[in-house]
Structure formats: C-alpha cells, structure tokens
Amino acid sequence: MTDETKEDIKRYLGILAEDFKDKLNIVIDAQMDIKRDVAELKEDVAVLKKDVARLKVDVAELKEDVAVLKKDVAELKVDVAEIKEDLISHRDNTEIHTQRPKRRKKTLRVMEQ
C-alpha cells in the first residue's frame, strides 16, 4: 500500500469516525430528552394517583349522601301521601258540614210552609 492510499484510508476513517460521533451525539440527546419526558410523566402519574385517591373518597362520601337523600325522599313521599289523605278527608268533612246546613234550611222551609 502506498502512502497516498494510507492517507486516503485515514481520511476516510476520520470522516466515518466524525459521522459516527455526530450520530452518537444525536442519539444521546434524544435519550436525554426521553429521560426528561419519562421523569415528567412519572410526576404527572403521581399527581394523578393522588387525584384519583381524593376522587374515590369524594365518591364514597357522595354515595353516602345519596343514600341519606334517598331515605329522606322516601320519608317525604310517605309524609306527602299522609298529608294528601288528610286533606282529602278534611275536604270531604268540610263539604259534608257545609252541605248539612243547607239541607237543614231546606228542611226548615218545608216545615214552615
């Protein structure tokens, strides 16, 4: 091999080495970006886990509140039904009482004639 060929090979290997270093630096930079992204994602997941835990507690409390409200509504329905019955009974009694004096007046008129 001639000296010129040896120089050409050295130059070529130098170019390959430089190209390899450039590409390696790109891979290293990308890997560092990925590491940062993964770290951020881990933080986000940790925050989300805390939020989900709080939501679970809130949902459990809401379920208890809804159960109480359902019970209250059921009791109110019974109370309203009783009030309705009382009002109907009262109205019926009131109508009977208001009608009786009219009948008596008619009866008195008949007796007076």
PDB file of N, CA and C in Angstrom:
ATOM      1  N   MET A   1       0.825  -1.164   0.000  1.00  0.00           N
ATOM      2  CA  MET A   1       0.000   0.000   0.000  1.00  0.00           C
ATOM      3  C   MET A   1       0.883   1.246   0.000  1.00  0.00           C
ATOM      4  N   THR A   2       0.433   2.181  -0.770  1.00  0.00           N
ATOM      5  CA  THR A   2       1.229   3.396  -0.886  1.00  0.00           C
ATOM      6  C   THR A   2       0.846   4.348   0.231  1.00  0.00           C
ATOM      7  N   ASP A   3       1.697   5.297   0.397  1.00  0.00           N
ATOM      8  CA  ASP A   3       1.444   6.297   1.431  1.00  0.00           C
ATOM      9  C   ASP A   3       0.164   7.091   1.130  1.00  0.00           C
ATOM     10  N   GLU A   4      -0.063   7.314  -0.148  1.00  0.00           N
ATOM     11  CA  GLU A   4      -1.263   8.062  -0.552  1.00  0.00           C
ATOM     12  C   GLU A   4      -2.526   7.271  -0.213  1.00  0.00           C
ATOM     13  N   THR A   5      -2.498   5.985  -0.424  1.00  0.00           N
ATOM     14  CA  THR A   5      -3.640   5.129  -0.119  1.00  0.00           C
ATOM     15  C   THR A   5      -3.871   5.103   1.386  1.00  0.00           C
ATOM     16  N   LYS A   6      -2.756   5.027   2.133  1.00  0.00           N
ATOM     17  CA  LYS A   6      -2.864   5.025   3.586  1.00  0.00           C
ATOM     18  C   LYS A   6      -3.507   6.333   4.071  1.00  0.00           C
ATOM     19  N   GLU A   7      -3.141   7.444   3.475  1.00  0.00           N
ATOM     20  CA  GLU A   7      -3.701   8.748   3.845  1.00  0.00           C
ATOM     21  C   GLU A   7      -5.184   8.810   3.495  1.00  0.00           C
ATOM     22  N   ASP A   8      -5.537   8.260   2.342  1.00  0.00           N
ATOM     23  CA  ASP A   8      -6.938   8.231   1.929  1.00  0.00           C
ATOM     24  C   ASP A   8      -7.765   7.409   2.916  1.00  0.00           C
ATOM     25  N   ILE A   9      -7.211   6.269   3.344  1.00  0.00           N
ATOM     26  CA  ILE A   9      -7.906   5.405   4.295  1.00  0.00           C
ATOM     27  C   ILE A   9      -8.057   6.129   5.641  1.00  0.00           C
ATOM     28  N   LYS A  10      -6.994   6.824   6.082  1.00  0.00           N
ATOM     29  CA  LYS A  10      -7.044   7.568   7.334  1.00  0.00           C
ATOM     30  C   LYS A  10      -8.100   8.665   7.257  1.00  0.00           C
ATOM     31  N   ARG A  11      -8.096   9.376   6.133  1.00  0.00           N
ATOM     32  CA  ARG A  11      -9.082  10.446   5.941  1.00  0.00           C
ATOM     33  C   ARG A  11     -10.497   9.859   5.962  1.00  0.00           C
ATOM     34  N   TYR A  12     -10.684   8.754   5.263  1.00  0.00           N
ATOM     35  CA  TYR A  12     -11.992   8.103   5.193  1.00  0.00           C
ATOM     36  C   TYR A  12     -12.432   7.641   6.586  1.00  0.00           C
ATOM     37  N   LEU A  13     -11.492   7.008   7.329  1.00  0.00           N
ATOM     38  CA  LEU A  13     -11.810   6.563   8.689  1.00  0.00           C
ATOM     39  C   LEU A  13     -12.113   7.760   9.590  1.00  0.00           C
ATOM     40  N   GLY A  14     -11.414   8.863   9.382  1.00  0.00           N
ATOM     41  CA  GLY A  14     -11.673  10.089  10.159  1.00  0.00           C
ATOM     42  C   GLY A  14     -13.083  10.613   9.879  1.00  0.00           C
ATOM     43  N   ILE A  15     -13.450  10.586   8.595  1.00  0.00           N
ATOM     44  CA  ILE A  15     -14.795  11.027   8.219  1.00  0.00           C
ATOM     45  C   ILE A  15     -15.842  10.113   8.840  1.00  0.00           C
ATOM     46  N   LEU A  16     -15.592   8.802   8.771  1.00  0.00           N
ATOM     47  CA  LEU A  16     -16.529   7.843   9.379  1.00  0.00           C
ATOM     48  C   LEU A  16     -16.630   8.050  10.891  1.00  0.00           C
ATOM     49  N   ALA A  17     -15.491   8.294  11.542  1.00  0.00           N
ATOM     50  CA  ALA A  17     -15.482   8.500  12.993  1.00  0.00           C
ATOM     51  C   ALA A  17     -16.255   9.774  13.352  1.00  0.00           C
ATOM     52  N   GLU A  18     -16.038  10.829  12.581  1.00  0.00           N
ATOM     53  CA  GLU A  18     -16.737  12.084  12.838  1.00  0.00           C
ATOM     54  C   GLU A  18     -18.244  11.919  12.625  1.00  0.00           C
ATOM     55  N   ASP A  19     -18.606  11.235  11.564  1.00  0.00           N
ATOM     56  CA  ASP A  19     -20.020  10.968  11.283  1.00  0.00           C
ATOM     57  C   ASP A  19     -20.640  10.137  12.406  1.00  0.00           C
ATOM     58  N   PHE A  20     -19.889   9.137  12.857  1.00  0.00           N
ATOM     59  CA  PHE A  20     -20.363   8.284  13.941  1.00  0.00           C
ATOM     60  C   PHE A  20     -20.569   9.114  15.215  1.00  0.00           C
ATOM     61  N   LYS A  21     -19.602   9.996  15.537  1.00  0.00           N
ATOM     62  CA  LYS A  21     -19.721  10.845  16.733  1.00  0.00           C
ATOM     63  C   LYS A  21     -20.951  11.745  16.639  1.00  0.00           C
ATOM     64  N   ASP A  22     -21.172  12.324  15.461  1.00  0.00           N
ATOM     65  CA  ASP A  22     -22.345  13.195  15.276  1.00  0.00           C
ATOM     66  C   ASP A  22     -23.642  12.417  15.505  1.00  0.00           C
ATOM     67  N   LYS A  23     -23.702  11.241  14.912  1.00  0.00           N
ATOM     68  CA  LYS A  23     -24.910  10.428  15.071  1.00  0.00           C
ATOM     69  C   LYS A  23     -25.070   9.957  16.515  1.00  0.00           C
ATOM     70  N   LEU A  24     -23.959   9.624  17.155  1.00  0.00           N
ATOM     71  CA  LEU A  24     -23.996   9.212  18.557  1.00  0.00           C
ATOM     72  C   LEU A  24     -24.487  10.359  19.440  1.00  0.00           C
ATOM     73  N   ASN A  25     -24.038  11.571  19.154  1.00  0.00           N
ATOM     74  CA  ASN A  25     -24.490  12.734  19.919  1.00  0.00           C
ATOM     75  C   ASN A  25     -25.999  12.960  19.744  1.00  0.00           C
ATOM     76  N   ILE A  26     -26.487  12.737  18.527  1.00  0.00           N
ATOM     77  CA  ILE A  26     -27.927  12.860  18.286  1.00  0.00           C
ATOM     78  C   ILE A  26     -28.690  11.834  19.122  1.00  0.00           C
ATOM     79  N   VAL A  27     -28.202  10.598  19.144  1.00  0.00           N
ATOM     80  CA  VAL A  27     -28.842   9.535  19.930  1.00  0.00           C
ATOM     81  C   VAL A  27     -28.788   9.873  21.414  1.00  0.00           C
ATOM     82  N   ILE A  28     -27.658  10.387  21.884  1.00  0.00           N
ATOM     83  CA  ILE A  28     -27.506  10.744  23.304  1.00  0.00           C
ATOM     84  C   ILE A  28     -28.484  11.864  23.665  1.00  0.00           C
ATOM     85  N   ASP A  29     -28.565  12.873  22.799  1.00  0.00           N
ATOM     86  CA  ASP A  29     -29.510  13.971  23.055  1.00  0.00           C
ATOM     87  C   ASP A  29     -30.950  13.463  23.103  1.00  0.00           C
ATOM     88  N   ALA A  30     -31.296  12.603  22.170  1.00  0.00           N
ATOM     89  CA  ALA A  30     -32.646  12.051  22.139  1.00  0.00           C
ATOM     90  C   ALA A  30     -32.913  11.229  23.399  1.00  0.00           C
ATOM     91  N   GLN A  31     -31.918  10.466  23.813  1.00  0.00           N
ATOM     92  CA  GLN A  31     -32.068   9.653  25.016  1.00  0.00           C
ATOM     93  C   GLN A  31     -32.258  10.539  26.246  1.00  0.00           C
ATOM     94  N   MET A  32     -31.539  11.653  26.310  1.00  0.00           N
ATOM     95  CA  MET A  32     -31.683  12.591  27.429  1.00  0.00           C
ATOM     96  C   MET A  32     -33.089  13.207  27.422  1.00  0.00           C
ATOM     97  N   ASP A  33     -33.588  13.550  26.231  1.00  0.00           N
ATOM     98  CA  ASP A  33     -34.944  14.096  26.125  1.00  0.00           C
ATOM     99  C   ASP A  33     -35.969  13.062  26.598  1.00  0.00           C
ATOM    100  N   ILE A  34     -35.766  11.830  26.198  1.00  0.00           N
ATOM    101  CA  ILE A  34     -36.672  10.755  26.602  1.00  0.00           C
ATOM    102  C   ILE A  34     -36.637  10.590  28.118  1.00  0.00           C
ATOM    103  N   LYS A  35     -35.444  10.661  28.711  1.00  0.00           N
ATOM    104  CA  LYS A  35     -35.318  10.546  30.167  1.00  0.00           C
ATOM    105  C   LYS A  35     -36.099  11.654  30.869  1.00  0.00           C
ATOM    106  N   ARG A  36     -35.956  12.891  30.355  1.00  0.00           N
ATOM    107  CA  ARG A  36     -36.690  14.021  30.939  1.00  0.00           C
ATOM    108  C   ARG A  36     -38.194  13.811  30.799  1.00  0.00           C
ATOM    109  N   ASP A  37     -38.617  13.368  29.618  1.00  0.00           N
ATOM    110  CA  ASP A  37     -40.043  13.132  29.392  1.00  0.00           C
ATOM    111  C   ASP A  37     -40.579  12.058  30.333  1.00  0.00           C
ATOM    112  N   VAL A  38     -39.819  10.994  30.517  1.00  0.00           N
ATOM    113  CA  VAL A  38     -40.244   9.912  31.414  1.00  0.00           C
ATOM    114  C   VAL A  38     -40.340  10.431  32.849  1.00  0.00           C
ATOM    115  N   ALA A  39     -39.375  11.250  33.267  1.00  0.00           N
ATOM    116  CA  ALA A  39     -39.411  11.809  34.623  1.00  0.00           C
ATOM    117  C   ALA A  39     -40.653  12.684  34.805  1.00  0.00           C
ATOM    118  N   GLU A  40     -40.960  13.506  33.807  1.00  0.00           N
ATOM    119  CA  GLU A  40     -42.156  14.353  33.870  1.00  0.00           C
ATOM    120  C   GLU A  40     -43.427  13.493  33.914  1.00  0.00           C
ATOM    121  N   LEU A  41     -43.438  12.449  33.115  1.00  0.00           N
ATOM    122  CA  LEU A  41     -44.601  11.563  33.106  1.00  0.00           C
ATOM    123  C   LEU A  41     -44.786  10.874  34.454  1.00  0.00           C
ATOM    124  N   LYS A  42     -43.672  10.495  35.078  1.00  0.00           N
ATOM    125  CA  LYS A  42     -43.761   9.877  36.401  1.00  0.00           C
ATOM    126  C   LYS A  42     -44.369  10.852  37.396  1.00  0.00           C
ATOM    127  N   GLU A  43     -43.954  12.118  37.327  1.00  0.00           N
ATOM    128  CA  GLU A  43     -44.522  13.128  38.220  1.00  0.00           C
ATOM    129  C   GLU A  43     -46.016  13.307  37.950  1.00  0.00           C
ATOM    130  N   ASP A  44     -46.373  13.364  36.671  1.00  0.00           N
ATOM    131  CA  ASP A  44     -47.784  13.511  36.303  1.00  0.00           C
ATOM    132  C   ASP A  44     -48.608  12.336  36.809  1.00  0.00           C
ATOM    133  N   VAL A  45     -48.087  11.136  36.679  1.00  0.00           N
ATOM    134  CA  VAL A  45     -48.794   9.943  37.144  1.00  0.00           C
ATOM    135  C   VAL A  45     -48.951   9.986  38.666  1.00  0.00           C
ATOM    136  N   ALA A  46     -47.935  10.435  39.362  1.00  0.00           N
ATOM    137  CA  ALA A  46     -48.025  10.536  40.822  1.00  0.00           C
ATOM    138  C   ALA A  46     -49.126  11.516  41.218  1.00  0.00           C
ATOM    139  N   VAL A  47     -49.200  12.655  40.525  1.00  0.00           N
ATOM    140  CA  VAL A  47     -50.248  13.634  40.810  1.00  0.00           C
ATOM    141  C   VAL A  47     -51.619  13.037  40.500  1.00  0.00           C
ATOM    142  N   LEU A  48     -51.718  12.351  39.377  1.00  0.00           N
ATOM    143  CA  LEU A  48     -52.995  11.738  39.003  1.00  0.00           C
ATOM    144  C   LEU A  48     -53.423  10.674  40.008  1.00  0.00           C
ATOM    145  N   LYS A  49     -52.468   9.913  40.522  1.00  0.00           N
ATOM    146  CA  LYS A  49     -52.800   8.908  41.534  1.00  0.00           C
ATOM    147  C   LYS A  49     -53.389   9.574  42.776  1.00  0.00           C
ATOM    148  N   LYS A  50     -52.782  10.696  43.199  1.00  0.00           N
ATOM    149  CA  LYS A  50     -53.313  11.421  44.359  1.00  0.00           C
ATOM    150  C   LYS A  50     -54.719  11.932  44.066  1.00  0.00           C
ATOM    151  N   ASP A  51     -54.905  12.478  42.865  1.00  0.00           N
ATOM    152  CA  ASP A  51     -56.221  12.991  42.482  1.00  0.00           C
ATOM    153  C   ASP A  51     -57.264  11.877  42.476  1.00  0.00           C
ATOM    154  N   VAL A  52     -56.912  10.729  41.947  1.00  0.00           N
ATOM    155  CA  VAL A  52     -57.836   9.596  41.905  1.00  0.00           C
ATOM    156  C   VAL A  52     -58.172   9.134  43.322  1.00  0.00           C
ATOM    157  N   ALA A  53     -57.192   9.128  44.195  1.00  0.00           N
ATOM    158  CA  ALA A  53     -57.441   8.724  45.583  1.00  0.00           C
ATOM    159  C   ALA A  53     -58.431   9.690  46.231  1.00  0.00           C
ATOM    160  N   ARG A  54     -58.233  11.006  45.988  1.00  0.00           N
ATOM    161  CA  ARG A  54     -59.167  12.001  46.531  1.00  0.00           C
ATOM    162  C   ARG A  54     -60.560  11.818  45.935  1.00  0.00           C
ATOM    163  N   LEU A  55     -60.610  11.549  44.640  1.00  0.00           N
ATOM    164  CA  LEU A  55     -61.906  11.347  43.983  1.00  0.00           C
ATOM    165  C   LEU A  55     -62.628  10.131  44.542  1.00  0.00           C
ATOM    166  N   LYS A  56     -61.883   9.084  44.838  1.00  0.00           N
ATOM    167  CA  LYS A  56     -62.501   7.889  45.419  1.00  0.00           C
ATOM    168  C   LYS A  56     -63.155   8.221  46.755  1.00  0.00           C
ATOM    169  N   VAL A  57     -62.455   9.003  47.563  1.00  0.00           N
ATOM    170  CA  VAL A  57     -63.009   9.413  48.858  1.00  0.00           C
ATOM    171  C   VAL A  57     -64.258  10.262  48.636  1.00  0.00           C
ATOM    172  N   ASP A  58     -64.175  11.216  47.704  1.00  0.00           N
ATOM    173  CA  ASP A  58     -65.320  12.080  47.413  1.00  0.00           C
ATOM    174  C   ASP A  58     -66.512  11.272  46.916  1.00  0.00           C
ATOM    175  N   VAL A  59     -66.268  10.319  46.043  1.00  0.00           N
ATOM    176  CA  VAL A  59     -67.359   9.486  45.514  1.00  0.00           C
ATOM    177  C   VAL A  59     -67.981   8.661  46.631  1.00  0.00           C
ATOM    178  N   ALA A  60     -67.165   8.147  47.508  1.00  0.00           N
ATOM    179  CA  ALA A  60     -67.696   7.365  48.637  1.00  0.00           C
ATOM    180  C   ALA A  60     -68.598   8.249  49.502  1.00  0.00           C
ATOM    181  N   GLU A  61     -68.148   9.485  49.759  1.00  0.00           N
ATOM    182  CA  GLU A  61     -68.967  10.410  50.545  1.00  0.00           C
ATOM    183  C   GLU A  61     -70.264  10.744  49.810  1.00  0.00           C
ATOM    184  N   LEU A  62     -70.162  10.954  48.508  1.00  0.00           N
ATOM    185  CA  LEU A  62     -71.358  11.254  47.717  1.00  0.00           C
ATOM    186  C   LEU A  62     -72.342  10.097  47.738  1.00  0.00           C
ATOM    187  N   LYS A  63     -71.825   8.879  47.679  1.00  0.00           N
ATOM    188  CA  LYS A  63     -72.705   7.708  47.737  1.00  0.00           C
ATOM    189  C   LYS A  63     -73.456   7.680  49.061  1.00  0.00           C
ATOM    190  N   GLU A  64     -72.745   7.997  50.144  1.00  0.00           N
ATOM    191  CA  GLU A  64     -73.398   8.032  51.451  1.00  0.00           C
ATOM    192  C   GLU A  64     -74.467   9.120  51.471  1.00  0.00           C
ATOM    193  N   ASP A  65     -74.127  10.290  50.935  1.00  0.00           N
ATOM    194  CA  ASP A  65     -75.087  11.400  50.894  1.00  0.00           C
ATOM    195  C   ASP A  65     -76.312  11.026  50.068  1.00  0.00           C
ATOM    196  N   VAL A  66     -76.106  10.380  48.941  1.00  0.00           N
ATOM    197  CA  VAL A  66     -77.219   9.977  48.085  1.00  0.00           C
ATOM    198  C   VAL A  66     -78.099   8.964  48.816  1.00  0.00           C
ATOM    199  N   ALA A  67     -77.492   8.063  49.542  1.00  0.00           N
ATOM    200  CA  ALA A  67     -78.275   7.076  50.295  1.00  0.00           C
ATOM    201  C   ALA A  67     -79.153   7.783  51.332  1.00  0.00           C
ATOM    202  N   VAL A  68     -78.580   8.760  52.014  1.00  0.00           N
ATOM    203  CA  VAL A  68     -79.356   9.525  53.002  1.00  0.00           C
ATOM    204  C   VAL A  68     -80.482  10.279  52.303  1.00  0.00           C
ATOM    205  N   LEU A  69     -80.154  10.899  51.176  1.00  0.00           N
ATOM    206  CA  LEU A  69     -81.176  11.645  50.436  1.00  0.00           C
ATOM    207  C   LEU A  69     -82.296  10.740  49.938  1.00  0.00           C
ATOM    208  N   LYS A  70     -81.953   9.560  49.486  1.00  0.00           N
ATOM    209  CA  LYS A  70     -82.977   8.609  49.041  1.00  0.00           C
ATOM    210  C   LYS A  70     -83.904   8.256  50.201  1.00  0.00           C
ATOM    211  N   LYS A  71     -83.316   8.033  51.362  1.00  0.00           N
ATOM    212  CA  LYS A  71     -84.117   7.714  52.543  1.00  0.00           C
ATOM    213  C   LYS A  71     -85.029   8.884  52.886  1.00  0.00           C
ATOM    214  N   ASP A  72     -84.471  10.101  52.850  1.00  0.00           N
ATOM    215  CA  ASP A  72     -85.267  11.293  53.151  1.00  0.00           C
ATOM    216  C   ASP A  72     -86.408  11.462  52.154  1.00  0.00           C
ATOM    217  N   VAL A  73     -86.127  11.242  50.883  1.00  0.00           N
ATOM    218  CA  VAL A  73     -87.163  11.367  49.854  1.00  0.00           C
ATOM    219  C   VAL A  73     -88.256  10.334  50.076  1.00  0.00           C
ATOM    220  N   ALA A  74     -87.867   9.118  50.428  1.00  0.00           N
ATOM    221  CA  ALA A  74     -88.868   8.078  50.698  1.00  0.00           C
ATOM    222  C   ALA A  74     -89.757   8.496  51.870  1.00  0.00           C
ATOM    223  N   GLU A  75     -89.152   9.044  52.916  1.00  0.00           N
ATOM    224  CA  GLU A  75     -89.932   9.509  54.063  1.00  0.00           C
ATOM    225  C   GLU A  75     -90.841  10.669  53.663  1.00  0.00           C
ATOM    226  N   LEU A  76     -90.333  11.568  52.840  1.00  0.00           N
ATOM    227  CA  LEU A  76     -91.145  12.697  52.379  1.00  0.00           C
ATOM    228  C   LEU A  76     -92.334  12.224  51.544  1.00  0.00           C
ATOM    229  N   LYS A  77     -92.112  11.210  50.726  1.00  0.00           N
ATOM    230  CA  LYS A  77     -93.214  10.660  49.934  1.00  0.00           C
ATOM    231  C   LYS A  77     -94.303  10.126  50.842  1.00  0.00           C
ATOM    232  N   VAL A  78     -93.906   9.427  51.892  1.00  0.00           N
ATOM    233  CA  VAL A  78     -94.887   8.899  52.838  1.00  0.00           C
ATOM    234  C   VAL A  78     -95.618  10.055  53.515  1.00  0.00           C
ATOM    235  N   ASP A  79     -94.855  11.074  53.944  1.00  0.00           N
ATOM    236  CA  ASP A  79     -95.467  12.232  54.604  1.00  0.00           C
ATOM    237  C   ASP A  79     -96.440  12.946  53.663  1.00  0.00           C
ATOM    238  N   VAL A  80     -96.061  13.128  52.418  1.00  0.00           N
ATOM    239  CA  VAL A  80     -96.927  13.800  51.449  1.00  0.00           C
ATOM    240  C   VAL A  80     -98.182  12.972  51.209  1.00  0.00           C
ATOM    241  N   ALA A  81     -98.027  11.666  51.126  1.00  0.00           N
ATOM    242  CA  ALA A  81     -99.205  10.806  50.942  1.00  0.00           C
ATOM    243  C   ALA A  81    -100.152  10.935  52.126  1.00  0.00           C
ATOM    244  N   GLU A  82     -99.600  10.986  53.338  1.00  0.00           N
ATOM    245  CA  GLU A  82    -100.442  11.139  54.538  1.00  0.00           C
ATOM    246  C   GLU A  82    -101.138  12.497  54.535  1.00  0.00           C
ATOM    247  N   ILE A  83    -100.397  13.542  54.167  1.00  0.00           N
ATOM    248  CA  ILE A  83    -100.983  14.885  54.103  1.00  0.00           C
ATOM    249  C   ILE A  83    -102.091  14.917  53.056  1.00  0.00           C
ATOM    250  N   LYS A  84    -101.857  14.277  51.946  1.00  0.00           N
ATOM    251  CA  LYS A  84    -102.865  14.220  50.879  1.00  0.00           C
ATOM    252  C   LYS A  84    -104.139  13.559  51.396  1.00  0.00           C
ATOM    253  N   GLU A  85    -103.954  12.430  52.077  1.00  0.00           N
ATOM    254  CA  GLU A  85    -105.115  11.737  52.633  1.00  0.00           C
ATOM    255  C   GLU A  85    -105.840  12.615  53.647  1.00  0.00           C
ATOM    256  N   ASP A  86    -105.078  13.292  54.507  1.00  0.00           N
ATOM    257  CA  ASP A  86    -105.686  14.185  55.495  1.00  0.00           C
ATOM    258  C   ASP A  86    -106.452  15.317  54.824  1.00  0.00           C
ATOM    259  N   LEU A  87    -105.874  15.894  53.782  1.00  0.00           N
ATOM    260  CA  LEU A  87    -106.542  16.987  53.074  1.00  0.00           C
ATOM    261  C   LEU A  87    -107.821  16.514  52.398  1.00  0.00           C
ATOM    262  N   ILE A  88    -107.756  15.358  51.792  1.00  0.00           N
ATOM    263  CA  ILE A  88    -108.951  14.805  51.154  1.00  0.00           C
ATOM    264  C   ILE A  88    -110.028  14.555  52.202  1.00  0.00           C
ATOM    265  N   SER A  89    -109.627  13.965  53.306  1.00  0.00           N
ATOM    266  CA  SER A  89    -110.573  13.684  54.389  1.00  0.00           C
ATOM    267  C   SER A  89    -111.148  14.990  54.940  1.00  0.00           C
ATOM    268  N   HIS A  90    -110.291  15.967  55.136  1.00  0.00           N
ATOM    269  CA  HIS A  90    -110.724  17.269  55.656  1.00  0.00           C
ATOM    270  C   HIS A  90    -111.683  17.940  54.676  1.00  0.00           C
ATOM    271  N   ARG A  91    -111.355  17.892  53.395  1.00  0.00           N
ATOM    272  CA  ARG A  91    -112.209  18.490  52.374  1.00  0.00           C
ATOM    273  C   ARG A  91    -113.575  17.793  52.361  1.00  0.00           C
ATOM    274  N   ASP A  92    -113.537  16.479  52.425  1.00  0.00           N
ATOM    275  CA  ASP A  92    -114.788  15.729  52.441  1.00  0.00           C
ATOM    276  C   ASP A  92    -115.626  16.104  53.667  1.00  0.00           C
ATOM    277  N   ASN A  93    -114.969  16.184  54.810  1.00  0.00           N
ATOM    278  CA  ASN A  93    -115.685  16.575  56.034  1.00  0.00           C
ATOM    279  C   ASN A  93    -116.216  17.990  55.922  1.00  0.00           C
ATOM    280  N   THR A  94    -115.440  18.875  55.364  1.00  0.00           N
ATOM    281  CA  THR A  94    -115.852  20.265  55.218  1.00  0.00           C
ATOM    282  C   THR A  94    -117.038  20.358  54.277  1.00  0.00           C
ATOM    283  N   GLU A  95    -117.015  19.625  53.194  1.00  0.00           N
ATOM    284  CA  GLU A  95    -118.129  19.636  52.249  1.00  0.00           C
ATOM    285  C   GLU A  95    -119.384  19.083  52.886  1.00  0.00           C
ATOM    286  N   ILE A  96    -119.250  18.062  53.686  1.00  0.00           N
ATOM    287  CA  ILE A  96    -120.407  17.475  54.372  1.00  0.00           C
ATOM    288  C   ILE A  96    -120.994  18.498  55.336  1.00  0.00           C
ATOM    289  N   HIS A  97    -120.121  19.185  56.078  1.00  0.00           N
ATOM    290  CA  HIS A  97    -120.593  20.170  57.053  1.00  0.00           C
ATOM    291  C   HIS A  97    -121.236  21.366  56.363  1.00  0.00           C
ATOM    292  N   THR A  98    -120.678  21.799  55.262  1.00  0.00           N
ATOM    293  CA  THR A  98    -121.261  22.953  54.576  1.00  0.00           C
ATOM    294  C   THR A  98    -122.552  22.572  53.877  1.00  0.00           C
ATOM    295  N   GLN A  99    -122.714  21.328  53.530  1.00  0.00           N
ATOM    296  CA  GLN A  99    -123.942  20.888  52.861  1.00  0.00           C
ATOM    297  C   GLN A  99    -125.058  20.648  53.869  1.00  0.00           C
ATOM    298  N   ARG A 100    -124.772  20.212  55.045  1.00  0.00           N
ATOM    299  CA  ARG A 100    -125.802  19.902  56.048  1.00  0.00           C
ATOM    300  C   ARG A 100    -126.642  21.126  56.406  1.00  0.00           C
ATOM    301  N   PRO A 101    -125.997  22.263  56.663  1.00  0.00           N
ATOM    302  CA  PRO A 101    -126.841  23.412  56.996  1.00  0.00           C
ATOM    303  C   PRO A 101    -127.773  23.793  55.847  1.00  0.00           C
ATOM    304  N   LYS A 102    -127.347  23.636  54.628  1.00  0.00           N
ATOM    305  CA  LYS A 102    -128.208  23.934  53.500  1.00  0.00           C
ATOM    306  C   LYS A 102    -129.418  23.004  53.524  1.00  0.00           C
ATOM    307  N   ARG A 103    -129.172  21.781  53.795  1.00  0.00           N
ATOM    308  CA  ARG A 103    -130.274  20.816  53.859  1.00  0.00           C
ATOM    309  C   ARG A 103    -131.225  21.175  55.004  1.00  0.00           C
ATOM    310  N   ARG A 104    -130.660  21.583  56.073  1.00  0.00           N
ATOM    311  CA  ARG A 104    -131.487  21.946  57.223  1.00  0.00           C
ATOM    312  C   ARG A 104    -132.355  23.146  56.876  1.00  0.00           C
ATOM    313  N   LYS A 105    -131.767  24.088  56.160  1.00  0.00           N
ATOM    314  CA  LYS A 105    -132.538  25.261  55.779  1.00  0.00           C
ATOM    315  C   LYS A 105    -133.700  24.854  54.889  1.00  0.00           C
ATOM    316  N   LYS A 106    -133.404  23.936  53.973  1.00  0.00           N
ATOM    317  CA  LYS A 106    -134.466  23.459  53.095  1.00  0.00           C
ATOM    318  C   LYS A 106    -135.536  22.751  53.923  1.00  0.00           C
ATOM    319  N   THR A 107    -135.071  21.969  54.863  1.00  0.00           N
ATOM    320  CA  THR A 107    -135.999  21.243  55.706  1.00  0.00           C
ATOM    321  C   THR A 107    -136.837  22.219  56.513  1.00  0.00           C
ATOM    322  N   LEU A 108    -136.210  23.258  57.012  1.00  0.00           N
ATOM    323  CA  LEU A 108    -136.944  24.255  57.786  1.00  0.00           C
ATOM    324  C   LEU A 108    -137.959  24.982  56.898  1.00  0.00           C
ATOM    325  N   ARG A 109    -137.606  25.268  55.690  1.00  0.00           N
ATOM    326  CA  ARG A 109    -138.508  25.946  54.767  1.00  0.00           C
ATOM    327  C   ARG A 109    -139.721  25.072  54.488  1.00  0.00           C
ATOM    328  N   VAL A 110    -139.459  23.801  54.318  1.00  0.00           N
ATOM    329  CA  VAL A 110    -140.564  22.889  54.059  1.00  0.00           C
ATOM    330  C   VAL A 110    -141.488  22.852  55.272  1.00  0.00           C
ATOM    331  N   MET A 111    -140.921  22.839  56.447  1.00  0.00           N
ATOM    332  CA  MET A 111    -141.696  22.778  57.673  1.00  0.00           C
ATOM    333  C   MET A 111    -142.468  24.077  57.876  1.00  0.00           C
ATOM    334  N   GLU A 112    -141.897  25.188  57.470  1.00  0.00           N
ATOM    335  CA  GLU A 112    -142.559  26.462  57.652  1.00  0.00           C
ATOM    336  C   GLU A 112    -143.762  26.578  56.721  1.00  0.00           C
ATOM    337  N   GLN A 113    -143.729  25.952  55.622  1.00  0.00           N
ATOM    338  CA  GLN A 113    -144.818  26.054  54.639  1.00  0.00           C
ATOM    339  C   GLN A 113    -145.932  25.231  55.085  1.00  0.00           C
TER     340      GLN A 113
END
